[in-house]
Amino acid sequence: GVGVVICLVQGMKLLGPTYAISIVLTAQLSFALL
């Protein structure tokens, strides 16, 4: 969870909320499928 929060905060800072969340959710779905 520490990694999740750190990465989300930094990702949003660098990419913006919508783009960052879109990538996070796609990665989450891809790894869940794997």
Full PDB file with SEQRES, HELIX, SHEET, SSBOND, CRYST1, ORIGX, SCALE, CONECT and MASTER records, all heavy atoms in Angstrom:
SEQRES   1 A   34  GLY VAL GLY VAL VAL ILE CYS LEU VAL GLN GLY MET LYS          
SEQRES   2 A   34  LEU LEU GLY PRO THR TYR ALA ILE SER ILE VAL LEU THR          
SEQRES   3 A   34  ALA GLN LEU SER PHE ALA LEU LEU                              
HELIX    1 AA1 VAL A    2  LEU A   15  1                                  14    
HELIX    2 AA2 PRO A   17  LEU A   33  1                                  17    
CRYST1    1.000    1.000    1.000  90.00  90.00  90.00 P 1           1          
ORIGX1      1.000000  0.000000  0.000000        0.00000                         
ORIGX2      0.000000  1.000000  0.000000        0.00000                         
ORIGX3      0.000000  0.000000  1.000000        0.00000                         
SCALE1      1.000000  0.000000  0.000000        0.00000                         
SCALE2      0.000000  1.000000  0.000000        0.00000                         
SCALE3      0.000000  0.000000  1.000000        0.00000                         
ATOM      1  N   GLY A   1       0.815  -1.219   0.000  1.00  0.00           N  
ATOM      2  CA  GLY A   1       0.000   0.000   0.000  1.00  0.00           C  
ATOM      3  C   GLY A   1       0.846   1.265   0.000  1.00  0.00           C  
ATOM      4  O   GLY A   1       0.477   2.274  -0.609  1.00  0.00           O  
ATOM      5  N   VAL A   2       1.985   1.221   0.669  1.00  0.00           N  
ATOM      6  CA  VAL A   2       2.902   2.368   0.660  1.00  0.00           C  
ATOM      7  C   VAL A   2       3.348   2.642  -0.775  1.00  0.00           C  
ATOM      8  O   VAL A   2       3.330   3.780  -1.235  1.00  0.00           O  
ATOM      9  CB  VAL A   2       4.122   2.112   1.577  1.00  0.00           C  
ATOM     10  CG1 VAL A   2       5.174   3.194   1.407  1.00  0.00           C  
ATOM     11  CG2 VAL A   2       3.677   2.024   3.026  1.00  0.00           C  
ATOM     12  N   GLY A   3       3.731   1.597  -1.475  1.00  0.00           N  
ATOM     13  CA  GLY A   3       4.130   1.754  -2.878  1.00  0.00           C  
ATOM     14  C   GLY A   3       3.001   2.278  -3.743  1.00  0.00           C  
ATOM     15  O   GLY A   3       3.216   3.120  -4.624  1.00  0.00           O  
ATOM     16  N   VAL A   4       1.795   1.807  -3.493  1.00  0.00           N  
ATOM     17  CA  VAL A   4       0.634   2.262  -4.266  1.00  0.00           C  
ATOM     18  C   VAL A   4       0.444   3.763  -4.101  1.00  0.00           C  
ATOM     19  O   VAL A   4       0.314   4.502  -5.077  1.00  0.00           O  
ATOM     20  CB  VAL A   4      -0.656   1.505  -3.836  1.00  0.00           C  
ATOM     21  CG1 VAL A   4      -1.893   2.139  -4.443  1.00  0.00           C  
ATOM     22  CG2 VAL A   4      -0.566   0.038  -4.214  1.00  0.00           C  
ATOM     23  N   VAL A   5       0.421   4.230  -2.854  1.00  0.00           N  
ATOM     24  CA  VAL A   5       0.174   5.655  -2.607  1.00  0.00           C  
ATOM     25  C   VAL A   5       1.293   6.515  -3.183  1.00  0.00           C  
ATOM     26  O   VAL A   5       1.038   7.510  -3.870  1.00  0.00           O  
ATOM     27  CB  VAL A   5      -0.041   5.933  -1.100  1.00  0.00           C  
ATOM     28  CG1 VAL A   5      -0.140   7.425  -0.828  1.00  0.00           C  
ATOM     29  CG2 VAL A   5      -1.300   5.220  -0.607  1.00  0.00           C  
ATOM     30  N   ILE A   6       2.541   6.130  -2.930  1.00  0.00           N  
ATOM     31  CA  ILE A   6       3.682   6.908  -3.455  1.00  0.00           C  
ATOM     32  C   ILE A   6       3.603   6.996  -4.982  1.00  0.00           C  
ATOM     33  O   ILE A   6       3.748   8.073  -5.570  1.00  0.00           O  
ATOM     34  CB  ILE A   6       5.025   6.280  -3.016  1.00  0.00           C  
ATOM     35  CG1 ILE A   6       5.275   6.545  -1.548  1.00  0.00           C  
ATOM     36  CG2 ILE A   6       6.188   6.781  -3.851  1.00  0.00           C  
ATOM     37  CD1 ILE A   6       5.625   7.969  -1.200  1.00  0.00           C  
ATOM     38  N   CYS A   7       3.402   5.857  -5.623  1.00  0.00           N  
ATOM     39  CA  CYS A   7       3.372   5.839  -7.098  1.00  0.00           C  
ATOM     40  C   CYS A   7       2.188   6.625  -7.650  1.00  0.00           C  
ATOM     41  O   CYS A   7       2.321   7.338  -8.653  1.00  0.00           O  
ATOM     42  CB  CYS A   7       3.345   4.402  -7.615  1.00  0.00           C  
ATOM     43  SG  CYS A   7       4.891   3.515  -7.309  1.00  0.00           S  
ATOM     44  N   LEU A   8       1.020   6.519  -7.010  1.00  0.00           N  
ATOM     45  CA  LEU A   8      -0.142   7.278  -7.475  1.00  0.00           C  
ATOM     46  C   LEU A   8       0.074   8.786  -7.341  1.00  0.00           C  
ATOM     47  O   LEU A   8      -0.226   9.551  -8.260  1.00  0.00           O  
ATOM     48  CB  LEU A   8      -1.395   6.882  -6.689  1.00  0.00           C  
ATOM     49  CG  LEU A   8      -2.170   5.701  -7.225  1.00  0.00           C  
ATOM     50  CD1 LEU A   8      -3.258   5.284  -6.237  1.00  0.00           C  
ATOM     51  CD2 LEU A   8      -2.785   6.024  -8.560  1.00  0.00           C  
ATOM     52  N   VAL A   9       0.596   9.199  -6.197  1.00  0.00           N  
ATOM     53  CA  VAL A   9       0.824  10.625  -5.978  1.00  0.00           C  
ATOM     54  C   VAL A   9       1.818  11.173  -7.004  1.00  0.00           C  
ATOM     55  O   VAL A   9       1.581  12.223  -7.624  1.00  0.00           O  
ATOM     56  CB  VAL A   9       1.302  10.876  -4.527  1.00  0.00           C  
ATOM     57  CG1 VAL A   9       1.844  12.273  -4.355  1.00  0.00           C  
ATOM     58  CG2 VAL A   9       0.163  10.628  -3.553  1.00  0.00           C  
ATOM     59  N   GLN A  10       2.915  10.456  -7.204  1.00  0.00           N  
ATOM     60  CA  GLN A  10       3.913  10.918  -8.169  1.00  0.00           C  
ATOM     61  C   GLN A  10       3.387  10.836  -9.603  1.00  0.00           C  
ATOM     62  O   GLN A  10       3.643  11.732 -10.406  1.00  0.00           O  
ATOM     63  CB  GLN A  10       5.199  10.092  -8.035  1.00  0.00           C  
ATOM     64  CG  GLN A  10       5.939  10.332  -6.734  1.00  0.00           C  
ATOM     65  CD  GLN A  10       6.319  11.790  -6.551  1.00  0.00           C  
ATOM     66  OE1 GLN A  10       6.839  12.431  -7.448  1.00  0.00           O  
ATOM     67  NE2 GLN A  10       6.029  12.325  -5.373  1.00  0.00           N  
ATOM     68  N   GLY A  11       2.667   9.762  -9.924  1.00  0.00           N  
ATOM     69  CA  GLY A  11       2.092   9.632 -11.263  1.00  0.00           C  
ATOM     70  C   GLY A  11       1.122  10.753 -11.582  1.00  0.00           C  
ATOM     71  O   GLY A  11       1.124  11.307 -12.684  1.00  0.00           O  
ATOM     72  N   MET A  12       0.291  11.123 -10.615  1.00  0.00           N  
ATOM     73  CA  MET A  12      -0.648  12.221 -10.840  1.00  0.00           C  
ATOM     74  C   MET A  12       0.074  13.540 -11.012  1.00  0.00           C  
ATOM     75  O   MET A  12      -0.331  14.375 -11.816  1.00  0.00           O  
ATOM     76  CB  MET A  12      -1.651  12.314  -9.695  1.00  0.00           C  
ATOM     77  CG  MET A  12      -2.714  11.269  -9.817  1.00  0.00           C  
ATOM     78  SD  MET A  12      -4.159  11.561  -8.825  1.00  0.00           S  
ATOM     79  CE  MET A  12      -4.492  13.263  -9.010  1.00  0.00           C  
ATOM     80  N   LYS A  13       1.147  13.730 -10.257  1.00  0.00           N  
ATOM     81  CA  LYS A  13       1.918  14.968 -10.372  1.00  0.00           C  
ATOM     82  C   LYS A  13       2.513  15.081 -11.777  1.00  0.00           C  
ATOM     83  O   LYS A  13       2.537  16.157 -12.367  1.00  0.00           O  
ATOM     84  CB  LYS A  13       3.031  14.989  -9.324  1.00  0.00           C  
ATOM     85  CG  LYS A  13       3.794  16.296  -9.274  1.00  0.00           C  
ATOM     86  CD  LYS A  13       5.029  16.233  -8.379  1.00  0.00           C  
ATOM     87  CE  LYS A  13       4.704  15.928  -6.952  1.00  0.00           C  
ATOM     88  NZ  LYS A  13       5.894  15.989  -6.069  1.00  0.00           N  
ATOM     89  N   LEU A  14       2.985  13.971 -12.314  1.00  0.00           N  
ATOM     90  CA  LEU A  14       3.662  13.978 -13.615  1.00  0.00           C  
ATOM     91  C   LEU A  14       2.718  13.865 -14.810  1.00  0.00           C  
ATOM     92  O   LEU A  14       3.022  14.392 -15.888  1.00  0.00           O  
ATOM     93  CB  LEU A  14       4.684  12.837 -13.665  1.00  0.00           C  
ATOM     94  CG  LEU A  14       5.814  12.937 -12.636  1.00  0.00           C  
ATOM     95  CD1 LEU A  14       6.603  11.633 -12.588  1.00  0.00           C  
ATOM     96  CD2 LEU A  14       6.718  14.117 -12.941  1.00  0.00           C  
ATOM     97  N   LEU A  15       1.587  13.180 -14.635  1.00  0.00           N  
ATOM     98  CA  LEU A  15       0.707  12.892 -15.776  1.00  0.00           C  
ATOM     99  C   LEU A  15      -0.661  13.555 -15.707  1.00  0.00           C  
ATOM    100  O   LEU A  15      -1.342  13.642 -16.721  1.00  0.00           O  
ATOM    101  CB  LEU A  15       0.487  11.371 -15.895  1.00  0.00           C  
ATOM    102  CG  LEU A  15       1.725  10.509 -16.081  1.00  0.00           C  
ATOM    103  CD1 LEU A  15       1.353   9.036 -15.986  1.00  0.00           C  
ATOM    104  CD2 LEU A  15       2.387  10.824 -17.413  1.00  0.00           C  
ATOM    105  N   GLY A  16      -1.084  13.956 -14.534  1.00  0.00           N  
ATOM    106  CA  GLY A  16      -2.446  14.453 -14.360  1.00  0.00           C  
ATOM    107  C   GLY A  16      -3.345  13.307 -13.922  1.00  0.00           C  
ATOM    108  O   GLY A  16      -3.038  12.131 -14.139  1.00  0.00           O  
ATOM    109  N   PRO A  17      -4.491  13.641 -13.298  1.00  0.00           N  
ATOM    110  CA  PRO A  17      -5.324  12.615 -12.683  1.00  0.00           C  
ATOM    111  C   PRO A  17      -5.915  11.590 -13.663  1.00  0.00           C  
ATOM    112  O   PRO A  17      -5.829  10.399 -13.430  1.00  0.00           O  
ATOM    113  CB  PRO A  17      -6.437  13.388 -11.981  1.00  0.00           C  
ATOM    114  CG  PRO A  17      -6.168  14.811 -12.179  1.00  0.00           C  
ATOM    115  CD  PRO A  17      -4.963  14.982 -13.015  1.00  0.00           C  
ATOM    116  N   THR A  18      -6.525  12.040 -14.728  1.00  0.00           N  
ATOM    117  CA  THR A  18      -7.225  11.113 -15.610  1.00  0.00           C  
ATOM    118  C   THR A  18      -6.275  10.159 -16.309  1.00  0.00           C  
ATOM    119  O   THR A  18      -6.505   8.950 -16.360  1.00  0.00           O  
ATOM    120  CB  THR A  18      -8.057  11.888 -16.657  1.00  0.00           C  
ATOM    121  OG1 THR A  18      -8.900  12.812 -15.967  1.00  0.00           O  
ATOM    122  CG2 THR A  18      -8.904  10.949 -17.481  1.00  0.00           C  
ATOM    123  N   TYR A  19      -5.193  10.682 -16.828  1.00  0.00           N  
ATOM    124  CA  TYR A  19      -4.221   9.855 -17.531  1.00  0.00           C  
ATOM    125  C   TYR A  19      -3.561   8.874 -16.569  1.00  0.00           C  
ATOM    126  O   TYR A  19      -3.430   7.682 -16.863  1.00  0.00           O  
ATOM    127  CB  TYR A  19      -3.193  10.766 -18.202  1.00  0.00           C  
ATOM    128  CG  TYR A  19      -2.286  10.093 -19.201  1.00  0.00           C  
ATOM    129  CD1 TYR A  19      -2.759   9.168 -20.119  1.00  0.00           C  
ATOM    130  CD2 TYR A  19      -0.930  10.401 -19.226  1.00  0.00           C  
ATOM    131  CE1 TYR A  19      -1.911   8.567 -21.031  1.00  0.00           C  
ATOM    132  CE2 TYR A  19      -0.078   9.808 -20.136  1.00  0.00           C  
ATOM    133  CZ  TYR A  19      -0.573   8.887 -21.033  1.00  0.00           C  
ATOM    134  OH  TYR A  19       0.267   8.287 -21.930  1.00  0.00           O  
ATOM    135  N   ALA A  20      -3.175   9.338 -15.391  1.00  0.00           N  
ATOM    136  CA  ALA A  20      -2.526   8.471 -14.408  1.00  0.00           C  
ATOM    137  C   ALA A  20      -3.461   7.353 -13.962  1.00  0.00           C  
ATOM    138  O   ALA A  20      -3.077   6.179 -13.933  1.00  0.00           O  
ATOM    139  CB  ALA A  20      -2.053   9.289 -13.204  1.00  0.00           C  
ATOM    140  N   ILE A  21      -4.695   7.693 -13.616  1.00  0.00           N  
ATOM    141  CA  ILE A  21      -5.657   6.681 -13.166  1.00  0.00           C  
ATOM    142  C   ILE A  21      -5.964   5.692 -14.284  1.00  0.00           C  
ATOM    143  O   ILE A  21      -6.097   4.495 -14.046  1.00  0.00           O  
ATOM    144  CB  ILE A  21      -6.950   7.342 -12.643  1.00  0.00           C  
ATOM    145  CG1 ILE A  21      -6.674   8.060 -11.325  1.00  0.00           C  
ATOM    146  CG2 ILE A  21      -8.057   6.318 -12.457  1.00  0.00           C  
ATOM    147  CD1 ILE A  21      -6.335   7.146 -10.170  1.00  0.00           C  
ATOM    148  N   SER A  22      -6.060   6.168 -15.513  1.00  0.00           N  
ATOM    149  CA  SER A  22      -6.310   5.264 -16.644  1.00  0.00           C  
ATOM    150  C   SER A  22      -5.204   4.226 -16.766  1.00  0.00           C  
ATOM    151  O   SER A  22      -5.466   3.036 -16.973  1.00  0.00           O  
ATOM    152  CB  SER A  22      -6.393   6.053 -17.957  1.00  0.00           C  
ATOM    153  OG  SER A  22      -7.455   6.957 -17.932  1.00  0.00           O  
ATOM    154  N   ILE A  23      -3.981   4.663 -16.627  1.00  0.00           N  
ATOM    155  CA  ILE A  23      -2.850   3.742 -16.726  1.00  0.00           C  
ATOM    156  C   ILE A  23      -2.832   2.794 -15.527  1.00  0.00           C  
ATOM    157  O   ILE A  23      -2.605   1.592 -15.682  1.00  0.00           O  
ATOM    158  CB  ILE A  23      -1.531   4.525 -16.853  1.00  0.00           C  
ATOM    159  CG1 ILE A  23      -1.510   5.246 -18.207  1.00  0.00           C  
ATOM    160  CG2 ILE A  23      -0.323   3.608 -16.705  1.00  0.00           C  
ATOM    161  CD1 ILE A  23      -0.390   6.236 -18.366  1.00  0.00           C  
ATOM    162  N   VAL A  24      -3.097   3.320 -14.350  1.00  0.00           N  
ATOM    163  CA  VAL A  24      -3.123   2.482 -13.145  1.00  0.00           C  
ATOM    164  C   VAL A  24      -4.176   1.385 -13.290  1.00  0.00           C  
ATOM    165  O   VAL A  24      -3.909   0.208 -13.013  1.00  0.00           O  
ATOM    166  CB  VAL A  24      -3.399   3.337 -11.887  1.00  0.00           C  
ATOM    167  CG1 VAL A  24      -3.764   2.469 -10.695  1.00  0.00           C  
ATOM    168  CG2 VAL A  24      -2.199   4.209 -11.566  1.00  0.00           C  
ATOM    169  N   LEU A  25      -5.371   1.750 -13.715  1.00  0.00           N  
ATOM    170  CA  LEU A  25      -6.444   0.762 -13.832  1.00  0.00           C  
ATOM    171  C   LEU A  25      -6.149  -0.269 -14.913  1.00  0.00           C  
ATOM    172  O   LEU A  25      -6.461  -1.452 -14.760  1.00  0.00           O  
ATOM    173  CB  LEU A  25      -7.784   1.455 -14.077  1.00  0.00           C  
ATOM    174  CG  LEU A  25      -8.277   2.302 -12.909  1.00  0.00           C  
ATOM    175  CD1 LEU A  25      -9.584   2.997 -13.252  1.00  0.00           C  
ATOM    176  CD2 LEU A  25      -8.444   1.466 -11.653  1.00  0.00           C  
ATOM    177  N   THR A  26      -5.523   0.166 -16.007  1.00  0.00           N  
ATOM    178  CA  THR A  26      -5.153  -0.776 -17.057  1.00  0.00           C  
ATOM    179  C   THR A  26      -4.079  -1.740 -16.560  1.00  0.00           C  
ATOM    180  O   THR A  26      -4.153  -2.952 -16.802  1.00  0.00           O  
ATOM    181  CB  THR A  26      -4.653  -0.028 -18.310  1.00  0.00           C  
ATOM    182  OG1 THR A  26      -5.683   0.856 -18.739  1.00  0.00           O  
ATOM    183  CG2 THR A  26      -4.319  -0.992 -19.421  1.00  0.00           C  
ATOM    184  N   ALA A  27      -3.094  -1.226 -15.846  1.00  0.00           N  
ATOM    185  CA  ALA A  27      -2.056  -2.091 -15.276  1.00  0.00           C  
ATOM    186  C   ALA A  27      -2.668  -3.056 -14.268  1.00  0.00           C  
ATOM    187  O   ALA A  27      -2.327  -4.244 -14.242  1.00  0.00           O  
ATOM    188  CB  ALA A  27      -0.967  -1.247 -14.629  1.00  0.00           C  
ATOM    189  N   GLN A  28      -3.590  -2.554 -13.458  1.00  0.00           N  
ATOM    190  CA  GLN A  28      -4.251  -3.398 -12.469  1.00  0.00           C  
ATOM    191  C   GLN A  28      -5.011  -4.534 -13.150  1.00  0.00           C  
ATOM    192  O   GLN A  28      -4.895  -5.698 -12.750  1.00  0.00           O  
ATOM    193  CB  GLN A  28      -5.199  -2.537 -11.636  1.00  0.00           C  
ATOM    194  CG  GLN A  28      -5.861  -3.261 -10.493  1.00  0.00           C  
ATOM    195  CD  GLN A  28      -6.741  -2.339  -9.672  1.00  0.00           C  
ATOM    196  OE1 GLN A  28      -6.858  -1.149  -9.929  1.00  0.00           O  
ATOM    197  NE2 GLN A  28      -7.380  -2.891  -8.665  1.00  0.00           N  
ATOM    198  N   LEU A  29      -5.750  -4.222 -14.180  1.00  0.00           N  
ATOM    199  CA  LEU A  29      -6.497  -5.232 -14.918  1.00  0.00           C  
ATOM    200  C   LEU A  29      -5.559  -6.232 -15.591  1.00  0.00           C  
ATOM    201  O   LEU A  29      -5.778  -7.446 -15.542  1.00  0.00           O  
ATOM    202  CB  LEU A  29      -7.399  -4.570 -15.965  1.00  0.00           C  
ATOM    203  CG  LEU A  29      -8.213  -5.495 -16.850  1.00  0.00           C  
ATOM    204  CD1 LEU A  29      -9.201  -6.313 -16.027  1.00  0.00           C  
ATOM    205  CD2 LEU A  29      -8.950  -4.689 -17.906  1.00  0.00           C  
ATOM    206  N   SER A  30      -4.493  -5.737 -16.196  1.00  0.00           N  
ATOM    207  CA  SER A  30      -3.539  -6.610 -16.894  1.00  0.00           C  
ATOM    208  C   SER A  30      -2.866  -7.582 -15.927  1.00  0.00           C  
ATOM    209  O   SER A  30      -2.756  -8.779 -16.212  1.00  0.00           O  
ATOM    210  CB  SER A  30      -2.470  -5.774 -17.608  1.00  0.00           C  
ATOM    211  OG  SER A  30      -3.066  -4.940 -18.572  1.00  0.00           O  
ATOM    212  N   PHE A  31      -2.416  -7.083 -14.784  1.00  0.00           N  
ATOM    213  CA  PHE A  31      -1.753  -7.964 -13.825  1.00  0.00           C  
ATOM    214  C   PHE A  31      -2.745  -8.920 -13.162  1.00  0.00           C  
ATOM    215  O   PHE A  31      -2.403 -10.070 -12.883  1.00  0.00           O  
ATOM    216  CB  PHE A  31      -0.975  -7.155 -12.785  1.00  0.00           C  
ATOM    217  CG  PHE A  31       0.357  -6.709 -13.301  1.00  0.00           C  
ATOM    218  CD1 PHE A  31       0.521  -5.440 -13.831  1.00  0.00           C  
ATOM    219  CD2 PHE A  31       1.438  -7.572 -13.293  1.00  0.00           C  
ATOM    220  CE1 PHE A  31       1.743  -5.031 -14.338  1.00  0.00           C  
ATOM    221  CE2 PHE A  31       2.676  -7.174 -13.793  1.00  0.00           C  
ATOM    222  CZ  PHE A  31       2.828  -5.904 -14.317  1.00  0.00           C  
ATOM    223  N   ALA A  32      -3.967  -8.468 -12.923  1.00  0.00           N  
ATOM    224  CA  ALA A  32      -4.987  -9.380 -12.378  1.00  0.00           C  
ATOM    225  C   ALA A  32      -5.256 -10.509 -13.366  1.00  0.00           C  
ATOM    226  O   ALA A  32      -5.384 -11.674 -12.967  1.00  0.00           O  
ATOM    227  CB  ALA A  32      -6.268  -8.610 -12.077  1.00  0.00           C  
ATOM    228  N   LEU A  33      -5.311 -10.182 -14.650  1.00  0.00           N  
ATOM    229  CA  LEU A  33      -5.505 -11.196 -15.683  1.00  0.00           C  
ATOM    230  C   LEU A  33      -4.331 -12.176 -15.694  1.00  0.00           C  
ATOM    231  O   LEU A  33      -4.521 -13.395 -15.775  1.00  0.00           O  
ATOM    232  CB  LEU A  33      -5.664 -10.523 -17.054  1.00  0.00           C  
ATOM    233  CG  LEU A  33      -5.813 -11.434 -18.260  1.00  0.00           C  
ATOM    234  CD1 LEU A  33      -7.046 -12.317 -18.136  1.00  0.00           C  
ATOM    235  CD2 LEU A  33      -5.897 -10.597 -19.535  1.00  0.00           C  
ATOM    236  N   LEU A  34      -3.118 -11.653 -15.580  1.00  0.00           N  
ATOM    237  CA  LEU A  34      -1.934 -12.507 -15.553  1.00  0.00           C  
ATOM    238  C   LEU A  34      -1.957 -13.441 -14.349  1.00  0.00           C  
ATOM    239  O   LEU A  34      -1.763 -14.654 -14.470  1.00  0.00           O  
ATOM    240  CB  LEU A  34      -0.663 -11.643 -15.526  1.00  0.00           C  
ATOM    241  CG  LEU A  34       0.663 -12.387 -15.395  1.00  0.00           C  
ATOM    242  CD1 LEU A  34       0.968 -13.184 -16.659  1.00  0.00           C  
ATOM    243  CD2 LEU A  34       1.784 -11.409 -15.101  1.00  0.00           C  
TER     244      LEU A  34                                                      
MASTER        0    0    0    2    0    0    0    6  243    1    0    3          
END                                                                             
